[in-house]
Amino acid sequence: MKTVNLLLATTALVACTSHQANVVSTNTSELRLGDKPQGYPRTYVTVQNGNCTQVIEDWVDNGSSNGKKMWVVAKSIKPVVCQ
């Protein structure tokens, strides 16, 4: 019984550990040429099915095209405690 309780507690702890993902968009509406858009990085929290996620969104340099800098949206996503 102690082994089962320890296994359940360990599983719950691993399931609740914070995982972070970094995502770079390939959506062409999230692509800019020229100057980096103003107001970034920005941070916001989304709520979906009772789970809260913190999103940090920024524009990152992705090389150049025709002599102009190309910027794409990059998002860092991690679960947070809902308040």
PDB file of N, CA and C in Angstrom:
ATOM      1  N   MET A   1       0.826  -1.194   0.000  1.00  0.00           N
ATOM      2  CA  MET A   1       0.000   0.000   0.000  1.00  0.00           C
ATOM      3  C   MET A   1       0.866   1.252   0.000  1.00  0.00           C
ATOM      4  N   LYS A   2       1.976   1.231   0.795  1.00  0.00           N
ATOM      5  CA  LYS A   2       2.872   2.377   0.817  1.00  0.00           C
ATOM      6  C   LYS A   2       3.469   2.624  -0.566  1.00  0.00           C
ATOM      7  N   THR A   3       3.797   1.552  -1.267  1.00  0.00           N
ATOM      8  CA  THR A   3       4.373   1.675  -2.604  1.00  0.00           C
ATOM      9  C   THR A   3       3.379   2.317  -3.563  1.00  0.00           C
ATOM     10  N   VAL A   4       2.121   1.923  -3.472  1.00  0.00           N
ATOM     11  CA  VAL A   4       1.078   2.496  -4.340  1.00  0.00           C
ATOM     12  C   VAL A   4       0.912   3.983  -4.047  1.00  0.00           C
ATOM     13  N   ASN A   5       0.850   4.363  -2.772  1.00  0.00           N
ATOM     14  CA  ASN A   5       0.718   5.774  -2.409  1.00  0.00           C
ATOM     15  C   ASN A   5       1.925   6.581  -2.881  1.00  0.00           C
ATOM     16  N   LEU A   6       3.124   6.015  -2.724  1.00  0.00           N
ATOM     17  CA  LEU A   6       4.325   6.708  -3.177  1.00  0.00           C
ATOM     18  C   LEU A   6       4.316   6.871  -4.689  1.00  0.00           C
ATOM     19  N   LEU A   7       3.888   5.838  -5.392  1.00  0.00           N
ATOM     20  CA  LEU A   7       3.804   5.898  -6.846  1.00  0.00           C
ATOM     21  C   LEU A   7       2.794   6.958  -7.294  1.00  0.00           C
ATOM     22  N   LEU A   8       1.646   7.012  -6.649  1.00  0.00           N
ATOM     23  CA  LEU A   8       0.634   8.009  -6.989  1.00  0.00           C
ATOM     24  C   LEU A   8       1.121   9.432  -6.692  1.00  0.00           C
ATOM     25  N   ALA A   9       1.786   9.603  -5.556  1.00  0.00           N
ATOM     26  CA  ALA A   9       2.301  10.926  -5.200  1.00  0.00           C
ATOM     27  C   ALA A   9       3.384  11.373  -6.186  1.00  0.00           C
ATOM     28  N   THR A  10       4.248  10.472  -6.574  1.00  0.00           N
ATOM     29  CA  THR A  10       5.307  10.789  -7.539  1.00  0.00           C
ATOM     30  C   THR A  10       4.710  11.135  -8.890  1.00  0.00           C
ATOM     31  N   THR A  11       3.722  10.378  -9.327  1.00  0.00           N
ATOM     32  CA  THR A  11       3.055  10.651 -10.599  1.00  0.00           C
ATOM     33  C   THR A  11       2.387  12.014 -10.574  1.00  0.00           C
ATOM     34  N   ALA A  12       1.717  12.349  -9.494  1.00  0.00           N
ATOM     35  CA  ALA A  12       1.058  13.650  -9.372  1.00  0.00           C
ATOM     36  C   ALA A  12       2.087  14.778  -9.396  1.00  0.00           C
ATOM     37  N   LEU A  13       3.209  14.584  -8.739  1.00  0.00           N
ATOM     38  CA  LEU A  13       4.256  15.599  -8.708  1.00  0.00           C
ATOM     39  C   LEU A  13       4.834  15.823 -10.104  1.00  0.00           C
ATOM     40  N   VAL A  14       5.093  14.756 -10.826  1.00  0.00           N
ATOM     41  CA  VAL A  14       5.631  14.877 -12.182  1.00  0.00           C
ATOM     42  C   VAL A  14       4.616  15.539 -13.103  1.00  0.00           C
ATOM     43  N   ALA A  15       3.359  15.215 -12.964  1.00  0.00           N
ATOM     44  CA  ALA A  15       2.317  15.794 -13.815  1.00  0.00           C
ATOM     45  C   ALA A  15       2.149  17.281 -13.570  1.00  0.00           C
ATOM     46  N   CYS A  16       2.421  17.745 -12.372  1.00  0.00           N
ATOM     47  CA  CYS A  16       2.240  19.153 -12.036  1.00  0.00           C
ATOM     48  C   CYS A  16       3.501  19.987 -12.246  1.00  0.00           C
ATOM     49  N   THR A  17       4.599  19.343 -12.623  1.00  0.00           N
ATOM     50  CA  THR A  17       5.838  20.114 -12.817  1.00  0.00           C
ATOM     51  C   THR A  17       5.660  21.020 -14.021  1.00  0.00           C
ATOM     52  N   SER A  18       6.306  22.143 -13.920  1.00  0.00           N
ATOM     53  CA  SER A  18       6.204  23.156 -14.955  1.00  0.00           C
ATOM     54  C   SER A  18       6.953  22.733 -16.215  1.00  0.00           C
ATOM     55  N   HIS A  19       6.274  22.787 -17.341  1.00  0.00           N
ATOM     56  CA  HIS A  19       6.878  22.518 -18.641  1.00  0.00           C
ATOM     57  C   HIS A  19       6.751  23.787 -19.471  1.00  0.00           C
ATOM     58  N   GLN A  20       7.794  24.134 -20.200  1.00  0.00           N
ATOM     59  CA  GLN A  20       7.780  25.344 -21.003  1.00  0.00           C
ATOM     60  C   GLN A  20       8.061  24.970 -22.445  1.00  0.00           C
ATOM     61  N   ALA A  21       7.364  25.629 -23.369  1.00  0.00           N
ATOM     62  CA  ALA A  21       7.579  25.393 -24.786  1.00  0.00           C
ATOM     63  C   ALA A  21       7.878  26.715 -25.477  1.00  0.00           C
ATOM     64  N   ASN A  22       8.752  26.661 -26.446  1.00  0.00           N
ATOM     65  CA  ASN A  22       9.035  27.820 -27.274  1.00  0.00           C
ATOM     66  C   ASN A  22       8.558  27.520 -28.682  1.00  0.00           C
ATOM     67  N   VAL A  23       7.797  28.449 -29.257  1.00  0.00           N
ATOM     68  CA  VAL A  23       7.182  28.233 -30.553  1.00  0.00           C
ATOM     69  C   VAL A  23       7.495  29.412 -31.456  1.00  0.00           C
ATOM     70  N   VAL A  24       7.894  29.141 -32.694  1.00  0.00           N
ATOM     71  CA  VAL A  24       8.066  30.191 -33.694  1.00  0.00           C
ATOM     72  C   VAL A  24       6.997  29.970 -34.752  1.00  0.00           C
ATOM     73  N   SER A  25       6.233  31.021 -35.041  1.00  0.00           N
ATOM     74  CA  SER A  25       5.114  30.908 -35.959  1.00  0.00           C
ATOM     75  C   SER A  25       5.559  30.831 -37.416  1.00  0.00           C
ATOM     76  N   THR A  26       4.822  30.050 -38.211  1.00  0.00           N
ATOM     77  CA  THR A  26       5.028  30.032 -39.661  1.00  0.00           C
ATOM     78  C   THR A  26       3.850  30.689 -40.375  1.00  0.00           C
ATOM     79  N   ASN A  27       2.930  31.270 -39.598  1.00  0.00           N
ATOM     80  CA  ASN A  27       1.771  31.964 -40.145  1.00  0.00           C
ATOM     81  C   ASN A  27       2.242  33.264 -40.803  1.00  0.00           C
ATOM     82  N   THR A  28       1.918  33.473 -42.079  1.00  0.00           N
ATOM     83  CA  THR A  28       2.407  34.661 -42.791  1.00  0.00           C
ATOM     84  C   THR A  28       1.840  35.961 -42.230  1.00  0.00           C
ATOM     85  N   SER A  29       0.743  35.918 -41.485  1.00  0.00           N
ATOM     86  CA  SER A  29       0.227  37.143 -40.864  1.00  0.00           C
ATOM     87  C   SER A  29       1.077  37.536 -39.660  1.00  0.00           C
ATOM     88  N   GLU A  30       1.954  36.630 -39.215  1.00  0.00           N
ATOM     89  CA  GLU A  30       2.849  36.909 -38.107  1.00  0.00           C
ATOM     90  C   GLU A  30       4.289  37.047 -38.609  1.00  0.00           C
ATOM     91  N   LEU A  31       4.421  37.655 -39.783  1.00  0.00           N
ATOM     92  CA  LEU A  31       5.712  37.893 -40.415  1.00  0.00           C
ATOM     93  C   LEU A  31       5.763  39.353 -40.835  1.00  0.00           C
ATOM     94  N   ARG A  32       6.859  40.043 -40.552  1.00  0.00           N
ATOM     95  CA  ARG A  32       7.004  41.462 -40.896  1.00  0.00           C
ATOM     96  C   ARG A  32       8.348  41.687 -41.571  1.00  0.00           C
ATOM     97  N   LEU A  33       8.385  42.599 -42.521  1.00  0.00           N
ATOM     98  CA  LEU A  33       9.626  43.040 -43.138  1.00  0.00           C
ATOM     99  C   LEU A  33       9.891  44.469 -42.704  1.00  0.00           C
ATOM    100  N   GLY A  34      11.155  44.812 -42.477  1.00  0.00           N
ATOM    101  CA  GLY A  34      11.506  46.175 -42.087  1.00  0.00           C
ATOM    102  C   GLY A  34      11.862  46.262 -40.621  1.00  0.00           C
ATOM    103  N   ASP A  35      11.210  47.195 -39.929  1.00  0.00           N
ATOM    104  CA  ASP A  35      11.491  47.417 -38.510  1.00  0.00           C
ATOM    105  C   ASP A  35      10.705  46.457 -37.631  1.00  0.00           C
ATOM    106  N   LYS A  36      11.281  46.161 -36.465  1.00  0.00           N
ATOM    107  CA  LYS A  36      10.602  45.307 -35.488  1.00  0.00           C
ATOM    108  C   LYS A  36       9.360  46.035 -34.985  1.00  0.00           C
ATOM    109  N   PRO A  37       8.197  45.351 -34.938  1.00  0.00           N
ATOM    110  CA  PRO A  37       6.979  45.966 -34.411  1.00  0.00           C
ATOM    111  C   PRO A  37       7.166  46.446 -32.971  1.00  0.00           C
ATOM    112  N   GLN A  38       6.528  47.545 -32.619  1.00  0.00           N
ATOM    113  CA  GLN A  38       6.636  48.148 -31.291  1.00  0.00           C
ATOM    114  C   GLN A  38       5.738  47.418 -30.285  1.00  0.00           C
ATOM    115  N   GLY A  39       6.052  47.573 -28.995  1.00  0.00           N
ATOM    116  CA  GLY A  39       5.213  47.028 -27.925  1.00  0.00           C
ATOM    117  C   GLY A  39       5.531  45.589 -27.549  1.00  0.00           C
ATOM    118  N   TYR A  40       6.663  45.103 -27.942  1.00  0.00           N
ATOM    119  CA  TYR A  40       7.049  43.723 -27.649  1.00  0.00           C
ATOM    120  C   TYR A  40       8.363  43.717 -26.900  1.00  0.00           C
ATOM    121  N   PRO A  41       8.620  42.731 -26.070  1.00  0.00           N
ATOM    122  CA  PRO A  41       7.798  41.561 -25.800  1.00  0.00           C
ATOM    123  C   PRO A  41       6.573  41.909 -24.967  1.00  0.00           C
ATOM    124  N   ARG A  42       5.549  41.113 -25.103  1.00  0.00           N
ATOM    125  CA  ARG A  42       4.350  41.297 -24.283  1.00  0.00           C
ATOM    126  C   ARG A  42       4.001  39.966 -23.624  1.00  0.00           C
ATOM    127  N   THR A  43       3.423  40.076 -22.432  1.00  0.00           N
ATOM    128  CA  THR A  43       3.076  38.899 -21.643  1.00  0.00           C
ATOM    129  C   THR A  43       1.589  38.918 -21.340  1.00  0.00           C
ATOM    130  N   TYR A  44       0.946  37.763 -21.491  1.00  0.00           N
ATOM    131  CA  TYR A  44      -0.465  37.650 -21.141  1.00  0.00           C
ATOM    132  C   TYR A  44      -0.765  36.220 -20.697  1.00  0.00           C
ATOM    133  N   VAL A  45      -1.897  36.045 -20.026  1.00  0.00           N
ATOM    134  CA  VAL A  45      -2.310  34.730 -19.524  1.00  0.00           C
ATOM    135  C   VAL A  45      -3.592  34.326 -20.244  1.00  0.00           C
ATOM    136  N   THR A  46      -3.623  33.092 -20.734  1.00  0.00           N
ATOM    137  CA  THR A  46      -4.830  32.561 -21.356  1.00  0.00           C
ATOM    138  C   THR A  46      -5.427  31.497 -20.438  1.00  0.00           C
ATOM    139  N   VAL A  47      -6.746  31.352 -20.488  1.00  0.00           N
ATOM    140  CA  VAL A  47      -7.442  30.334 -19.702  1.00  0.00           C
ATOM    141  C   VAL A  47      -8.213  29.456 -20.667  1.00  0.00           C
ATOM    142  N   GLN A  48      -7.961  28.159 -20.604  1.00  0.00           N
ATOM    143  CA  GLN A  48      -8.640  27.223 -21.487  1.00  0.00           C
ATOM    144  C   GLN A  48      -8.967  25.963 -20.702  1.00  0.00           C
ATOM    145  N   ASN A  49     -10.229  25.631 -20.640  1.00  0.00           N
ATOM    146  CA  ASN A  49     -10.694  24.448 -19.903  1.00  0.00           C
ATOM    147  C   ASN A  49     -10.225  24.454 -18.447  1.00  0.00           C
ATOM    148  N   GLY A  50     -10.190  25.638 -17.832  1.00  0.00           N
ATOM    149  CA  GLY A  50      -9.794  25.750 -16.435  1.00  0.00           C
ATOM    150  C   GLY A  50      -8.289  25.731 -16.202  1.00  0.00           C
ATOM    151  N   ASN A  51      -7.501  25.660 -17.252  1.00  0.00           N
ATOM    152  CA  ASN A  51      -6.044  25.671 -17.136  1.00  0.00           C
ATOM    153  C   ASN A  51      -5.510  27.015 -17.606  1.00  0.00           C
ATOM    154  N   CYS A  52      -4.561  27.572 -16.862  1.00  0.00           N
ATOM    155  CA  CYS A  52      -3.988  28.873 -17.210  1.00  0.00           C
ATOM    156  C   CYS A  52      -2.593  28.689 -17.799  1.00  0.00           C
ATOM    157  N   THR A  53      -2.320  29.481 -18.817  1.00  0.00           N
ATOM    158  CA  THR A  53      -1.035  29.435 -19.496  1.00  0.00           C
ATOM    159  C   THR A  53      -0.512  30.844 -19.664  1.00  0.00           C
ATOM    160  N   GLN A  54       0.751  31.063 -19.295  1.00  0.00           N
ATOM    161  CA  GLN A  54       1.392  32.361 -19.502  1.00  0.00           C
ATOM    162  C   GLN A  54       2.087  32.323 -20.864  1.00  0.00           C
ATOM    163  N   VAL A  55       1.844  33.356 -21.661  1.00  0.00           N
ATOM    164  CA  VAL A  55       2.446  33.456 -22.981  1.00  0.00           C
ATOM    165  C   VAL A  55       3.305  34.714 -23.023  1.00  0.00           C
ATOM    166  N   ILE A  56       4.559  34.570 -23.404  1.00  0.00           N
ATOM    167  CA  ILE A  56       5.435  35.714 -23.642  1.00  0.00           C
ATOM    168  C   ILE A  56       5.671  35.736 -25.142  1.00  0.00           C
ATOM    169  N   GLU A  57       5.220  36.802 -25.777  1.00  0.00           N
ATOM    170  CA  GLU A  57       5.257  36.911 -27.235  1.00  0.00           C
ATOM    171  C   GLU A  57       6.246  38.001 -27.635  1.00  0.00           C
ATOM    172  N   ASP A  58       7.082  37.713 -28.619  1.00  0.00           N
ATOM    173  CA  ASP A  58       8.061  38.686 -29.094  1.00  0.00           C
ATOM    174  C   ASP A  58       8.296  38.461 -30.583  1.00  0.00           C
ATOM    175  N   TRP A  59       8.914  39.419 -31.221  1.00  0.00           N
ATOM    176  CA  TRP A  59       9.314  39.307 -32.622  1.00  0.00           C
ATOM    177  C   TRP A  59      10.810  39.041 -32.653  1.00  0.00           C
ATOM    178  N   VAL A  60      11.241  38.045 -33.414  1.00  0.00           N
ATOM    179  CA  VAL A  60      12.661  37.710 -33.510  1.00  0.00           C
ATOM    180  C   VAL A  60      13.138  37.844 -34.951  1.00  0.00           C
ATOM    181  N   ASP A  61      14.395  38.250 -35.077  1.00  0.00           N
ATOM    182  CA  ASP A  61      15.024  38.427 -36.386  1.00  0.00           C
ATOM    183  C   ASP A  61      15.153  37.069 -37.070  1.00  0.00           C
ATOM    184  N   ASN A  62      14.686  36.985 -38.298  1.00  0.00           N
ATOM    185  CA  ASN A  62      14.721  35.726 -39.036  1.00  0.00           C
ATOM    186  C   ASN A  62      15.467  35.907 -40.357  1.00  0.00           C
ATOM    187  N   GLY A  63      16.520  36.731 -40.333  1.00  0.00           N
ATOM    188  CA  GLY A  63      17.289  36.948 -41.547  1.00  0.00           C
ATOM    189  C   GLY A  63      16.806  38.178 -42.291  1.00  0.00           C
ATOM    190  N   SER A  64      17.008  38.177 -43.598  1.00  0.00           N
ATOM    191  CA  SER A  64      16.580  39.324 -44.392  1.00  0.00           C
ATOM    192  C   SER A  64      16.038  38.871 -45.736  1.00  0.00           C
ATOM    193  N   SER A  65      15.256  39.742 -46.337  1.00  0.00           N
ATOM    194  CA  SER A  65      14.684  39.506 -47.659  1.00  0.00           C
ATOM    195  C   SER A  65      14.729  40.816 -48.419  1.00  0.00           C
ATOM    196  N   ASN A  66      15.349  40.817 -49.580  1.00  0.00           N
ATOM    197  CA  ASN A  66      15.494  42.022 -50.401  1.00  0.00           C
ATOM    198  C   ASN A  66      16.110  43.176 -49.617  1.00  0.00           C
ATOM    199  N   GLY A  67      17.082  42.862 -48.748  1.00  0.00           N
ATOM    200  CA  GLY A  67      17.772  43.896 -47.994  1.00  0.00           C
ATOM    201  C   GLY A  67      17.023  44.414 -46.777  1.00  0.00           C
ATOM    202  N   LYS A  68      15.847  43.862 -46.480  1.00  0.00           N
ATOM    203  CA  LYS A  68      15.067  44.275 -45.307  1.00  0.00           C
ATOM    204  C   LYS A  68      15.069  43.148 -44.291  1.00  0.00           C
ATOM    205  N   LYS A  69      15.130  43.526 -42.992  1.00  0.00           N
ATOM    206  CA  LYS A  69      15.058  42.507 -41.940  1.00  0.00           C
ATOM    207  C   LYS A  69      13.695  41.840 -41.953  1.00  0.00           C
ATOM    208  N   MET A  70      13.704  40.541 -41.693  1.00  0.00           N
ATOM    209  CA  MET A  70      12.468  39.778 -41.624  1.00  0.00           C
ATOM    210  C   MET A  70      12.253  39.381 -40.169  1.00  0.00           C
ATOM    211  N   TRP A  71      11.073  39.649 -39.635  1.00  0.00           N
ATOM    212  CA  TRP A  71      10.727  39.365 -38.241  1.00  0.00           C
ATOM    213  C   TRP A  71       9.602  38.348 -38.196  1.00  0.00           C
ATOM    214  N   VAL A  72       9.701  37.369 -37.275  1.00  0.00           N
ATOM    215  CA  VAL A  72       8.633  36.392 -37.051  1.00  0.00           C
ATOM    216  C   VAL A  72       8.267  36.383 -35.576  1.00  0.00           C
ATOM    217  N   VAL A  73       7.030  36.004 -35.287  1.00  0.00           N
ATOM    218  CA  VAL A  73       6.548  35.936 -33.905  1.00  0.00           C
ATOM    219  C   VAL A  73       7.111  34.680 -33.245  1.00  0.00           C
ATOM    220  N   ALA A  74       7.636  34.856 -32.036  1.00  0.00           N
ATOM    221  CA  ALA A  74       8.101  33.733 -31.217  1.00  0.00           C
ATOM    222  C   ALA A  74       7.349  33.799 -29.894  1.00  0.00           C
ATOM    223  N   LYS A  75       6.861  32.660 -29.433  1.00  0.00           N
ATOM    224  CA  LYS A  75       6.102  32.611 -28.189  1.00  0.00           C
ATOM    225  C   LYS A  75       6.732  31.607 -27.239  1.00  0.00           C
ATOM    226  N   SER A  76       6.841  32.009 -25.976  1.00  0.00           N
ATOM    227  CA  SER A  76       7.273  31.128 -24.908  1.00  0.00           C
ATOM    228  C   SER A  76       6.024  30.844 -24.075  1.00  0.00           C
ATOM    229  N   ILE A  77       5.685  29.576 -23.934  1.00  0.00           N
ATOM    230  CA  ILE A  77       4.425  29.180 -23.291  1.00  0.00           C
ATOM    231  C   ILE A  77       4.732  28.287 -22.098  1.00  0.00           C
ATOM    232  N   LYS A  78       4.125  28.624 -20.931  1.00  0.00           N
ATOM    233  CA  LYS A  78       4.296  27.744 -19.767  1.00  0.00           C
ATOM    234  C   LYS A  78       3.035  27.784 -18.917  1.00  0.00           C
ATOM    235  N   PRO A  79       2.722  26.664 -18.253  1.00  0.00           N
ATOM    236  CA  PRO A  79       1.551  26.640 -17.379  1.00  0.00           C
ATOM    237  C   PRO A  79       1.798  27.454 -16.123  1.00  0.00           C
ATOM    238  N   VAL A  80       0.758  28.120 -15.664  1.00  0.00           N
ATOM    239  CA  VAL A  80       0.813  28.895 -14.418  1.00  0.00           C
ATOM    240  C   VAL A  80      -0.419  28.586 -13.575  1.00  0.00           C
ATOM    241  N   VAL A  81      -0.373  28.974 -12.324  1.00  0.00           N
ATOM    242  CA  VAL A  81      -1.506  28.780 -11.426  1.00  0.00           C
ATOM    243  C   VAL A  81      -2.560  29.832 -11.732  1.00  0.00           C
ATOM    244  N   CYS A  82      -3.796  29.424 -11.918  1.00  0.00           N
ATOM    245  CA  CYS A  82      -4.881  30.365 -12.180  1.00  0.00           C
ATOM    246  C   CYS A  82      -5.179  31.163 -10.904  1.00  0.00           C
ATOM    247  N   GLN A  83      -5.453  32.450 -11.079  1.00  0.00           N
ATOM    248  CA  GLN A  83      -5.770  33.284  -9.918  1.00  0.00           C
ATOM    249  C   GLN A  83      -7.150  33.848 -10.051  1.00  0.00           C
TER     250      GLN A  83
END
